[in-house]
Each structure stands twice: as structure tokens, then as C-alpha cells.
Amino acid sequence: MSEVQLKITGMTCGHCVAAVTKAIRAVPGVQDAQVDLASGSARVQGSADAQALVSAVQDEGYSAQVAA
């Protein structure tokens, strides 16, 4: 199992966190995901493709990139 860190911008509230979390968890291969509003980040565990995770977040209307 691998871990991907994402930097997410545009989240402003708990609803945003819930929407992003739901979108990430729907990506095939995701085993767990924690989204943090304060840091604007997500930690995703599993075998999901990083670009698929970014696309899922962007489809919800937020900006995302793989954190270095």
C-alpha cells in the first residue's frame, strides 16, 4: 500500500472537506483518505493513481496537485 499527499486549494468549510473526502474515496484503489481543512491537504492510502485522485478533486470544483 502506498501513500499520496495532495495539496488542495479552495476548501473553506466542513462541507468542502466532506465533498473532497467522498470524491477521493470513490477513486478505485483508495483504502483510506484523510482531508484536512486547516492545512489544505489530503493523505490518501491505497493503490490509486495519483492523477486520478487529482482529477476527482478537480471534478468537485477544487484545485489539487500532488504534494512534493
PDB file of N, CA and C in Angstrom:
ATOM      1  N   MET A   1       0.857  -1.185   0.000  1.00  0.00           N
ATOM      2  CA  MET A   1       0.000   0.000   0.000  1.00  0.00           C
ATOM      3  C   MET A   1       0.894   1.237   0.000  1.00  0.00           C
ATOM      4  N   SER A   2       0.558   2.188  -0.834  1.00  0.00           N
ATOM      5  CA  SER A   2       1.333   3.417  -0.918  1.00  0.00           C
ATOM      6  C   SER A   2       0.511   4.579  -0.368  1.00  0.00           C
ATOM      7  N   GLU A   3       1.185   5.709  -0.225  1.00  0.00           N
ATOM      8  CA  GLU A   3       0.521   6.901   0.288  1.00  0.00           C
ATOM      9  C   GLU A   3       0.797   8.065  -0.650  1.00  0.00           C
ATOM     10  N   VAL A   4      -0.241   8.843  -0.931  1.00  0.00           N
ATOM     11  CA  VAL A   4      -0.125  10.033  -1.773  1.00  0.00           C
ATOM     12  C   VAL A   4      -0.576  11.229  -0.951  1.00  0.00           C
ATOM     13  N   GLN A   5       0.205  12.290  -0.989  1.00  0.00           N
ATOM     14  CA  GLN A   5      -0.155  13.540  -0.331  1.00  0.00           C
ATOM     15  C   GLN A   5      -0.618  14.514  -1.412  1.00  0.00           C
ATOM     16  N   LEU A   6      -1.766  15.127  -1.178  1.00  0.00           N
ATOM     17  CA  LEU A   6      -2.275  16.119  -2.119  1.00  0.00           C
ATOM     18  C   LEU A   6      -2.353  17.482  -1.447  1.00  0.00           C
ATOM     19  N   LYS A   7      -2.070  18.516  -2.202  1.00  0.00           N
ATOM     20  CA  LYS A   7      -2.286  19.893  -1.765  1.00  0.00           C
ATOM     21  C   LYS A   7      -3.571  20.345  -2.444  1.00  0.00           C
ATOM     22  N   ILE A   8      -4.547  20.778  -1.643  1.00  0.00           N
ATOM     23  CA  ILE A   8      -5.859  21.143  -2.174  1.00  0.00           C
ATOM     24  C   ILE A   8      -6.155  22.593  -1.822  1.00  0.00           C
ATOM     25  N   THR A   9      -6.589  23.366  -2.802  1.00  0.00           N
ATOM     26  CA  THR A   9      -6.968  24.750  -2.551  1.00  0.00           C
ATOM     27  C   THR A   9      -8.434  24.939  -2.910  1.00  0.00           C
ATOM     28  N   GLY A  10      -9.063  25.871  -2.209  1.00  0.00           N
ATOM     29  CA  GLY A  10     -10.456  26.189  -2.466  1.00  0.00           C
ATOM     30  C   GLY A  10     -11.418  25.698  -1.401  1.00  0.00           C
ATOM     31  N   MET A  11     -10.938  24.869  -0.468  1.00  0.00           N
ATOM     32  CA  MET A  11     -11.809  24.389   0.604  1.00  0.00           C
ATOM     33  C   MET A  11     -11.957  25.480   1.665  1.00  0.00           C
ATOM     34  N   THR A  12     -13.197  25.730   2.075  1.00  0.00           N
ATOM     35  CA  THR A  12     -13.429  26.784   3.065  1.00  0.00           C
ATOM     36  C   THR A  12     -14.241  26.322   4.275  1.00  0.00           C
ATOM     37  N   CYS A  13     -14.777  25.110   4.234  1.00  0.00           N
ATOM     38  CA  CYS A  13     -15.655  24.688   5.334  1.00  0.00           C
ATOM     39  C   CYS A  13     -15.716  23.169   5.434  1.00  0.00           C
ATOM     40  N   GLY A  14     -16.434  22.697   6.406  1.00  0.00           N
ATOM     41  CA  GLY A  14     -16.593  21.267   6.610  1.00  0.00           C
ATOM     42  C   GLY A  14     -17.278  20.572   5.451  1.00  0.00           C
ATOM     43  N   HIS A  15     -18.212  21.264   4.807  1.00  0.00           N
ATOM     44  CA  HIS A  15     -18.879  20.674   3.650  1.00  0.00           C
ATOM     45  C   HIS A  15     -17.876  20.421   2.529  1.00  0.00           C
ATOM     46  N   CYS A  16     -16.958  21.348   2.349  1.00  0.00           N
ATOM     47  CA  CYS A  16     -15.912  21.180   1.337  1.00  0.00           C
ATOM     48  C   CYS A  16     -15.085  19.930   1.643  1.00  0.00           C
ATOM     49  N   VAL A  17     -14.698  19.776   2.892  1.00  0.00           N
ATOM     50  CA  VAL A  17     -13.914  18.613   3.311  1.00  0.00           C
ATOM     51  C   VAL A  17     -14.681  17.332   3.026  1.00  0.00           C
ATOM     52  N   ALA A  18     -15.971  17.320   3.359  1.00  0.00           N
ATOM     53  CA  ALA A  18     -16.791  16.132   3.128  1.00  0.00           C
ATOM     54  C   ALA A  18     -16.893  15.809   1.639  1.00  0.00           C
ATOM     55  N   ALA A  19     -17.060  16.824   0.808  1.00  0.00           N
ATOM     56  CA  ALA A  19     -17.173  16.612  -0.640  1.00  0.00           C
ATOM     57  C   ALA A  19     -15.873  16.066  -1.218  1.00  0.00           C
ATOM     58  N   VAL A  20     -14.751  16.626  -0.797  1.00  0.00           N
ATOM     59  CA  VAL A  20     -13.447  16.176  -1.288  1.00  0.00           C
ATOM     60  C   VAL A  20     -13.163  14.753  -0.803  1.00  0.00           C
ATOM     61  N   THR A  21     -13.462  14.483   0.457  1.00  0.00           N
ATOM     62  CA  THR A  21     -13.244  13.151   1.011  1.00  0.00           C
ATOM     63  C   THR A  21     -14.058  12.112   0.248  1.00  0.00           C
ATOM     64  N   LYS A  22     -15.313  12.415   0.000  1.00  0.00           N
ATOM     65  CA  LYS A  22     -16.188  11.486  -0.734  1.00  0.00           C
ATOM     66  C   LYS A  22     -15.654  11.244  -2.140  1.00  0.00           C
ATOM     67  N   ALA A  23     -15.216  12.303  -2.812  1.00  0.00           N
ATOM     68  CA  ALA A  23     -14.692  12.169  -4.173  1.00  0.00           C
ATOM     69  C   ALA A  23     -13.435  11.309  -4.199  1.00  0.00           C
ATOM     70  N   ILE A  24     -12.537  11.540  -3.249  1.00  0.00           N
ATOM     71  CA  ILE A  24     -11.289  10.774  -3.196  1.00  0.00           C
ATOM     72  C   ILE A  24     -11.581   9.305  -2.898  1.00  0.00           C
ATOM     73  N   ARG A  25     -12.448   9.055  -1.943  1.00  0.00           N
ATOM     74  CA  ARG A  25     -12.745   7.669  -1.562  1.00  0.00           C
ATOM     75  C   ARG A  25     -13.451   6.896  -2.670  1.00  0.00           C
ATOM     76  N   ALA A  26     -14.040   7.597  -3.637  1.00  0.00           N
ATOM     77  CA  ALA A  26     -14.711   6.935  -4.759  1.00  0.00           C
ATOM     78  C   ALA A  26     -13.730   6.479  -5.840  1.00  0.00           C
ATOM     79  N   VAL A  27     -12.491   6.931  -5.766  1.00  0.00           N
ATOM     80  CA  VAL A  27     -11.491   6.552  -6.768  1.00  0.00           C
ATOM     81  C   VAL A  27     -11.072   5.095  -6.516  1.00  0.00           C
ATOM     82  N   PRO A  28     -11.087   4.260  -7.552  1.00  0.00           N
ATOM     83  CA  PRO A  28     -10.677   2.864  -7.369  1.00  0.00           C
ATOM     84  C   PRO A  28      -9.266   2.749  -6.798  1.00  0.00           C
ATOM     85  N   GLY A  29      -9.115   1.896  -5.810  1.00  0.00           N
ATOM     86  CA  GLY A  29      -7.809   1.672  -5.197  1.00  0.00           C
ATOM     87  C   GLY A  29      -7.583   2.422  -3.905  1.00  0.00           C
ATOM     88  N   VAL A  30      -8.464   3.359  -3.571  1.00  0.00           N
ATOM     89  CA  VAL A  30      -8.310   4.107  -2.322  1.00  0.00           C
ATOM     90  C   VAL A  30      -8.776   3.237  -1.160  1.00  0.00           C
ATOM     91  N   GLN A  31      -7.912   3.091  -0.169  1.00  0.00           N
ATOM     92  CA  GLN A  31      -8.268   2.335   1.029  1.00  0.00           C
ATOM     93  C   GLN A  31      -8.652   3.256   2.171  1.00  0.00           C
ATOM     94  N   ASP A  32      -8.022   4.425   2.233  1.00  0.00           N
ATOM     95  CA  ASP A  32      -8.340   5.389   3.286  1.00  0.00           C
ATOM     96  C   ASP A  32      -7.923   6.768   2.816  1.00  0.00           C
ATOM     97  N   ALA A  33      -8.627   7.784   3.314  1.00  0.00           N
ATOM     98  CA  ALA A  33      -8.291   9.166   2.963  1.00  0.00           C
ATOM     99  C   ALA A  33      -8.637  10.073   4.126  1.00  0.00           C
ATOM    100  N   GLN A  34      -7.713  10.958   4.464  1.00  0.00           N
ATOM    101  CA  GLN A  34      -7.954  11.987   5.464  1.00  0.00           C
ATOM    102  C   GLN A  34      -7.716  13.342   4.800  1.00  0.00           C
ATOM    103  N   VAL A  35      -8.721  14.201   4.892  1.00  0.00           N
ATOM    104  CA  VAL A  35      -8.634  15.539   4.308  1.00  0.00           C
ATOM    105  C   VAL A  35      -8.618  16.539   5.454  1.00  0.00           C
ATOM    106  N   ASP A  36      -7.664  17.471   5.411  1.00  0.00           N
ATOM    107  CA  ASP A  36      -7.511  18.442   6.486  1.00  0.00           C
ATOM    108  C   ASP A  36      -7.755  19.855   5.952  1.00  0.00           C
ATOM    109  N   LEU A  37      -8.766  20.509   6.498  1.00  0.00           N
ATOM    110  CA  LEU A  37      -9.125  21.862   6.057  1.00  0.00           C
ATOM    111  C   LEU A  37      -8.035  22.863   6.398  1.00  0.00           C
ATOM    112  N   ALA A  38      -7.517  22.795   7.611  1.00  0.00           N
ATOM    113  CA  ALA A  38      -6.546  23.792   8.078  1.00  0.00           C
ATOM    114  C   ALA A  38      -5.285  23.826   7.221  1.00  0.00           C
ATOM    115  N   SER A  39      -4.792  22.654   6.845  1.00  0.00           N
ATOM    116  CA  SER A  39      -3.555  22.608   6.055  1.00  0.00           C
ATOM    117  C   SER A  39      -3.823  22.557   4.556  1.00  0.00           C
ATOM    118  N   GLY A  40      -5.086  22.363   4.168  1.00  0.00           N
ATOM    119  CA  GLY A  40      -5.423  22.262   2.751  1.00  0.00           C
ATOM    120  C   GLY A  40      -4.760  21.071   2.100  1.00  0.00           C
ATOM    121  N   SER A  41      -4.814  19.942   2.809  1.00  0.00           N
ATOM    122  CA  SER A  41      -4.130  18.769   2.288  1.00  0.00           C
ATOM    123  C   SER A  41      -4.970  17.516   2.465  1.00  0.00           C
ATOM    124  N   ALA A  42      -4.554  16.483   1.753  1.00  0.00           N
ATOM    125  CA  ALA A  42      -5.183  15.172   1.891  1.00  0.00           C
ATOM    126  C   ALA A  42      -4.089  14.123   1.896  1.00  0.00           C
ATOM    127  N   ARG A  43      -4.287  13.117   2.727  1.00  0.00           N
ATOM    128  CA  ARG A  43      -3.381  11.972   2.775  1.00  0.00           C
ATOM    129  C   ARG A  43      -4.203  10.764   2.349  1.00  0.00           C
ATOM    130  N   VAL A  44      -3.783  10.137   1.269  1.00  0.00           N
ATOM    131  CA  VAL A  44      -4.547   9.043   0.679  1.00  0.00           C
ATOM    132  C   VAL A  44      -3.707   7.777   0.692  1.00  0.00           C
ATOM    133  N   GLN A  45      -4.281   6.708   1.224  1.00  0.00           N
ATOM    134  CA  GLN A  45      -3.586   5.424   1.262  1.00  0.00           C
ATOM    135  C   GLN A  45      -4.284   4.450   0.332  1.00  0.00           C
ATOM    136  N   GLY A  46      -3.482   3.617  -0.319  1.00  0.00           N
ATOM    137  CA  GLY A  46      -4.017   2.618  -1.220  1.00  0.00           C
ATOM    138  C   GLY A  46      -3.183   2.534  -2.478  1.00  0.00           C
ATOM    139  N   SER A  47      -3.813   2.026  -3.530  1.00  0.00           N
ATOM    140  CA  SER A  47      -3.089   1.833  -4.784  1.00  0.00           C
ATOM    141  C   SER A  47      -3.640   2.708  -5.911  1.00  0.00           C
ATOM    142  N   ALA A  48      -4.385   3.737  -5.557  1.00  0.00           N
ATOM    143  CA  ALA A  48      -5.000   4.612  -6.565  1.00  0.00           C
ATOM    144  C   ALA A  48      -3.935   5.420  -7.309  1.00  0.00           C
ATOM    145  N   ASP A  49      -4.213   5.681  -8.574  1.00  0.00           N
ATOM    146  CA  ASP A  49      -3.348   6.512  -9.391  1.00  0.00           C
ATOM    147  C   ASP A  49      -3.420   7.959  -8.910  1.00  0.00           C
ATOM    148  N   ALA A  50      -2.266   8.604  -8.727  1.00  0.00           N
ATOM    149  CA  ALA A  50      -2.226   9.973  -8.208  1.00  0.00           C
ATOM    150  C   ALA A  50      -2.993  10.939  -9.106  1.00  0.00           C
ATOM    151  N   GLN A  51      -2.870  10.785 -10.423  1.00  0.00           N
ATOM    152  CA  GLN A  51      -3.576  11.700 -11.328  1.00  0.00           C
ATOM    153  C   GLN A  51      -5.081  11.502 -11.247  1.00  0.00           C
ATOM    154  N   ALA A  52      -5.528  10.280 -10.990  1.00  0.00           N
ATOM    155  CA  ALA A  52      -6.964  10.022 -10.819  1.00  0.00           C
ATOM    156  C   ALA A  52      -7.480  10.725  -9.572  1.00  0.00           C
ATOM    157  N   LEU A  53      -6.655  10.775  -8.529  1.00  0.00           N
ATOM    158  CA  LEU A  53      -7.039  11.479  -7.297  1.00  0.00           C
ATOM    159  C   LEU A  53      -7.170  12.976  -7.562  1.00  0.00           C
ATOM    160  N   VAL A  54      -6.188  13.537  -8.259  1.00  0.00           N
ATOM    161  CA  VAL A  54      -6.217  14.965  -8.586  1.00  0.00           C
ATOM    162  C   VAL A  54      -7.461  15.272  -9.422  1.00  0.00           C
ATOM    163  N   SER A  55      -7.746  14.439 -10.408  1.00  0.00           N
ATOM    164  CA  SER A  55      -8.910  14.654 -11.264  1.00  0.00           C
ATOM    165  C   SER A  55     -10.210  14.588 -10.474  1.00  0.00           C
ATOM    166  N   ALA A  56     -10.301  13.667  -9.525  1.00  0.00           N
ATOM    167  CA  ALA A  56     -11.510  13.538  -8.714  1.00  0.00           C
ATOM    168  C   ALA A  56     -11.758  14.802  -7.903  1.00  0.00           C
ATOM    169  N   VAL A  57     -10.694  15.366  -7.338  1.00  0.00           N
ATOM    170  CA  VAL A  57     -10.819  16.604  -6.556  1.00  0.00           C
ATOM    171  C   VAL A  57     -11.209  17.752  -7.476  1.00  0.00           C
ATOM    172  N   GLN A  58     -10.580  17.839  -8.636  1.00  0.00           N
ATOM    173  CA  GLN A  58     -10.889  18.913  -9.585  1.00  0.00           C
ATOM    174  C   GLN A  58     -12.321  18.816 -10.090  1.00  0.00           C
ATOM    175  N   ASP A  59     -12.820  17.604 -10.253  1.00  0.00           N
ATOM    176  CA  ASP A  59     -14.205  17.416 -10.692  1.00  0.00           C
ATOM    177  C   ASP A  59     -15.199  17.951  -9.668  1.00  0.00           C
ATOM    178  N   GLU A  60     -14.778  18.040  -8.409  1.00  0.00           N
ATOM    179  CA  GLU A  60     -15.629  18.601  -7.354  1.00  0.00           C
ATOM    180  C   GLU A  60     -15.536  20.127  -7.301  1.00  0.00           C
ATOM    181  N   GLY A  61     -14.635  20.719  -8.099  1.00  0.00           N
ATOM    182  CA  GLY A  61     -14.518  22.156  -8.168  1.00  0.00           C
ATOM    183  C   GLY A  61     -13.386  22.757  -7.358  1.00  0.00           C
ATOM    184  N   TYR A  62     -12.459  21.931  -6.918  1.00  0.00           N
ATOM    185  CA  TYR A  62     -11.313  22.415  -6.127  1.00  0.00           C
ATOM    186  C   TYR A  62     -10.038  22.195  -6.925  1.00  0.00           C
ATOM    187  N   SER A  63      -8.992  22.915  -6.588  1.00  0.00           N
ATOM    188  CA  SER A  63      -7.707  22.721  -7.227  1.00  0.00           C
ATOM    189  C   SER A  63      -6.898  21.731  -6.407  1.00  0.00           C
ATOM    190  N   ALA A  64      -6.164  20.868  -7.092  1.00  0.00           N
ATOM    191  CA  ALA A  64      -5.354  19.879  -6.393  1.00  0.00           C
ATOM    192  C   ALA A  64      -4.096  19.586  -7.178  1.00  0.00           C
ATOM    193  N   GLN A  65      -3.055  19.236  -6.437  1.00  0.00           N
ATOM    194  CA  GLN A  65      -1.813  18.787  -7.037  1.00  0.00           C
ATOM    195  C   GLN A  65      -1.143  17.839  -6.068  1.00  0.00           C
ATOM    196  N   VAL A  66      -0.310  16.973  -6.603  1.00  0.00           N
ATOM    197  CA  VAL A  66       0.438  16.057  -5.758  1.00  0.00           C
ATOM    198  C   VAL A  66       1.484  16.876  -5.014  1.00  0.00           C
ATOM    199  N   ALA A  67       1.523  16.716  -3.704  1.00  0.00           N
ATOM    200  CA  ALA A  67       2.499  17.458  -2.888  1.00  0.00           C
ATOM    201  C   ALA A  67       3.876  16.837  -3.062  1.00  0.00           C
ATOM    202  N   ALA A  68       4.877  17.686  -3.107  1.00  0.00           N
ATOM    203  CA  ALA A  68       6.256  17.202  -3.281  1.00  0.00           C
ATOM    204  C   ALA A  68       6.776  16.551  -2.021  1.00  0.00           C
TER     205      ALA A  68
END
